[in-house]
Amino acid sequence: MTFTSDSASTRFSGTFNYSNQTIDAVSSTIAVFKALSVDDQLAVLWYAYTEMGKSITPAATGAARLQLAEGLLNQIKKMSHAEQLEAMRDLAGQKNTQVSRSYGIFSANTKLAFWYELAELMAKGFVVPVPPGYQISRDGAQVLQTLKELDFGQQITVFRKVVTEMGVDPLAD
């Protein structure tokens, strides 16, 4: 049998299409997430971590050095609820603040763990919770639904990309 590029593309098109679909699902979820308002981004993280947190946590904290984030988490816990909300908005909005710069030095896994721990602190009342009656936007709800439909690896890829881009890298120009 002669092996040509045409026969290879026909034979393996299913594999490549699946890969493209996987990449597209992850990329489109990230793109829609980034287009959300800062408050909806925070709400998606909150709901995702509280609803899917049990599966996210082992991947996030297993390799993370959470002790590096504990100082920043403790600093946030000492703030008023208004200041806590502003700090989270600054992180998501990539505003150049002391909190955002401190967060910016964390590794991707530490950032994943940081948001998980922040969600835990919110659930326990140490950090400002999502306001009662808060209604996430239609696009925010769609991002959440899409996240639920992704497989675990895709979910982690989305979360890693999203939280890695938050904050400000203090070493950047």
Foldseek 3Di string as FASTA:
>chain_A
DDDDPVVVCVVCVVVVVVVVVLVCLLVVLLVLLLVFQLVLVLVLLLCCCVVVVVLLVCVLPVPFPLVLVVVLVVVLLPDDQVVNVVLSSCQLVQPADPSLQSLLVGDLSNLSNNSSVVSVCCVVPSYPHDDPPDDRDPSSVVSNVSLVVRDPVSNSVNSSVSSNPTGYHPPDD
